[in-house]
Amino acid sequence: MTRPELLVRLRALAVHRFGPRAAGLSDDQDLFDVLGIDSLAALDLLTDLEVAFSVEIPDWEVQGATTLAGLADVLGRRL
């Protein structure tokens, strides 16, 4: 899967989890700041990612990934 394809799917997951305001996120905007999510919501999103992409991602691997671009990089290494 290409990076642009990953970003499209990630944005769709963010919209599903956090509502329509996530649709306007740029790839480099901080999800915590823009969407006001907390660590529990971040774990829920991680679970969504694992299910949607059929991968297992250790928590430590996504700790620094606070943007869609960062999540795409993590997923790109796992797929």
C-alpha atoms as a PDB file:
ATOM      1  CA  MET A   1       0.000   0.000   0.000  1.00  0.00           C
ATOM      2  CA  THR A   2       1.389   3.408  -0.910  1.00  0.00           C
ATOM      3  CA  ARG A   3       1.796   6.269   1.536  1.00  0.00           C
ATOM      4  CA  PRO A   4      -0.994   8.337  -0.116  1.00  0.00           C
ATOM      5  CA  GLU A   5      -3.323   5.329   0.149  1.00  0.00           C
ATOM      6  CA  LEU A   6      -2.413   4.910   3.814  1.00  0.00           C
ATOM      7  CA  LEU A   7      -3.145   8.586   4.471  1.00  0.00           C
ATOM      8  CA  VAL A   8      -6.581   8.325   2.834  1.00  0.00           C
ATOM      9  CA  ARG A   9      -7.482   5.300   4.954  1.00  0.00           C
ATOM     10  CA  LEU A  10      -6.083   6.904   8.107  1.00  0.00           C
ATOM     11  CA  ARG A  11      -8.116  10.047   7.550  1.00  0.00           C
ATOM     12  CA  ALA A  12     -11.254   7.935   7.036  1.00  0.00           C
ATOM     13  CA  LEU A  13     -10.559   6.097  10.316  1.00  0.00           C
ATOM     14  CA  ALA A  14     -10.036   9.415  12.107  1.00  0.00           C
ATOM     15  CA  VAL A  15     -13.349  10.728  10.753  1.00  0.00           C
ATOM     16  CA  HIS A  16     -15.102   7.536  11.841  1.00  0.00           C
ATOM     17  CA  ARG A  17     -13.599   7.732  15.349  1.00  0.00           C
ATOM     18  CA  PHE A  18     -13.592  11.542  15.948  1.00  0.00           C
ATOM     19  CA  GLY A  19     -16.229  12.930  13.603  1.00  0.00           C
ATOM     20  CA  PRO A  20     -16.273  15.194  10.553  1.00  0.00           C
ATOM     21  CA  ARG A  21     -13.811  17.728  11.956  1.00  0.00           C
ATOM     22  CA  ALA A  22     -11.065  15.141  11.334  1.00  0.00           C
ATOM     23  CA  ALA A  23     -11.769  15.274   7.586  1.00  0.00           C
ATOM     24  CA  GLY A  24      -9.996  18.624   7.294  1.00  0.00           C
ATOM     25  CA  LEU A  25      -6.799  17.530   9.039  1.00  0.00           C
ATOM     26  CA  SER A  26      -3.590  18.066   7.160  1.00  0.00           C
ATOM     27  CA  ASP A  27      -1.107  15.211   7.226  1.00  0.00           C
ATOM     28  CA  ASP A  28       1.155  17.091   9.656  1.00  0.00           C
ATOM     29  CA  GLN A  29      -1.359  18.489  12.137  1.00  0.00           C
ATOM     30  CA  ASP A  30      -1.113  17.142  15.672  1.00  0.00           C
ATOM     31  CA  LEU A  31      -4.118  14.903  16.368  1.00  0.00           C
ATOM     32  CA  PHE A  32      -4.013  15.633  20.099  1.00  0.00           C
ATOM     33  CA  ASP A  33      -4.066  19.414  19.608  1.00  0.00           C
ATOM     34  CA  VAL A  34      -6.538  19.656  16.741  1.00  0.00           C
ATOM     35  CA  LEU A  35      -9.004  16.977  17.819  1.00  0.00           C
ATOM     36  CA  GLY A  36      -8.495  17.316  21.560  1.00  0.00           C
ATOM     37  CA  ILE A  37      -8.002  13.596  22.021  1.00  0.00           C
ATOM     38  CA  ASP A  38      -6.505  12.074  25.147  1.00  0.00           C
ATOM     39  CA  SER A  39      -4.408   8.960  25.696  1.00  0.00           C
ATOM     40  CA  LEU A  40      -7.490   6.725  25.990  1.00  0.00           C
ATOM     41  CA  ALA A  41      -8.822   7.941  22.634  1.00  0.00           C
ATOM     42  CA  ALA A  42      -5.341   7.390  21.169  1.00  0.00           C
ATOM     43  CA  LEU A  43      -5.439   3.759  22.338  1.00  0.00           C
ATOM     44  CA  ASP A  44      -8.872   3.351  20.762  1.00  0.00           C
ATOM     45  CA  LEU A  45      -7.469   4.717  17.510  1.00  0.00           C
ATOM     46  CA  LEU A  46      -4.543   2.278  17.754  1.00  0.00           C
ATOM     47  CA  THR A  47      -7.024  -0.586  18.094  1.00  0.00           C
ATOM     48  CA  ASP A  48      -8.908   0.720  15.038  1.00  0.00           C
ATOM     49  CA  LEU A  49      -5.633   0.794  13.075  1.00  0.00           C
ATOM     50  CA  GLU A  50      -4.715  -2.740  14.058  1.00  0.00           C
ATOM     51  CA  VAL A  51      -8.129  -4.066  13.023  1.00  0.00           C
ATOM     52  CA  ALA A  52      -8.386  -2.055   9.795  1.00  0.00           C
ATOM     53  CA  PHE A  53      -4.896  -2.961   8.601  1.00  0.00           C
ATOM     54  CA  SER A  54      -4.679  -6.468  10.137  1.00  0.00           C
ATOM     55  CA  VAL A  55      -1.426  -5.682  11.942  1.00  0.00           C
ATOM     56  CA  GLU A  56      -0.202  -5.630  15.505  1.00  0.00           C
ATOM     57  CA  ILE A  57       1.490  -2.396  16.537  1.00  0.00           C
ATOM     58  CA  PRO A  58       3.242  -2.195  19.909  1.00  0.00           C
ATOM     59  CA  ASP A  59       2.219   0.851  21.959  1.00  0.00           C
ATOM     60  CA  TRP A  60       5.832   2.073  22.154  1.00  0.00           C
ATOM     61  CA  GLU A  61       6.043   2.233  18.364  1.00  0.00           C
ATOM     62  CA  VAL A  62       3.277   4.827  18.048  1.00  0.00           C
ATOM     63  CA  GLN A  63       4.203   6.979  21.061  1.00  0.00           C
ATOM     64  CA  GLY A  64       5.836   9.675  18.947  1.00  0.00           C
ATOM     65  CA  ALA A  65       3.337   9.443  16.085  1.00  0.00           C
ATOM     66  CA  THR A  66       0.923  12.295  16.715  1.00  0.00           C
ATOM     67  CA  THR A  67       0.066  13.105  13.095  1.00  0.00           C
ATOM     68  CA  LEU A  68      -1.505  11.218  10.213  1.00  0.00           C
ATOM     69  CA  ALA A  69       1.877  11.301   8.472  1.00  0.00           C
ATOM     70  CA  GLY A  70       3.545   9.784  11.522  1.00  0.00           C
ATOM     71  CA  LEU A  71       0.951   7.035  11.726  1.00  0.00           C
ATOM     72  CA  ALA A  72       1.390   6.350   8.005  1.00  0.00           C
ATOM     73  CA  ASP A  73       5.131   5.917   8.587  1.00  0.00           C
ATOM     74  CA  VAL A  74       4.504   3.435  11.417  1.00  0.00           C
ATOM     75  CA  LEU A  75       2.014   1.475   9.318  1.00  0.00           C
ATOM     76  CA  GLY A  76       4.314   1.550   6.306  1.00  0.00           C
ATOM     77  CA  ARG A  77       6.962  -0.261   8.367  1.00  0.00           C
ATOM     78  CA  ARG A  78       4.434  -2.879   9.504  1.00  0.00           C
ATOM     79  CA  LEU A  79       2.730  -3.653   6.184  1.00  0.00           C
END
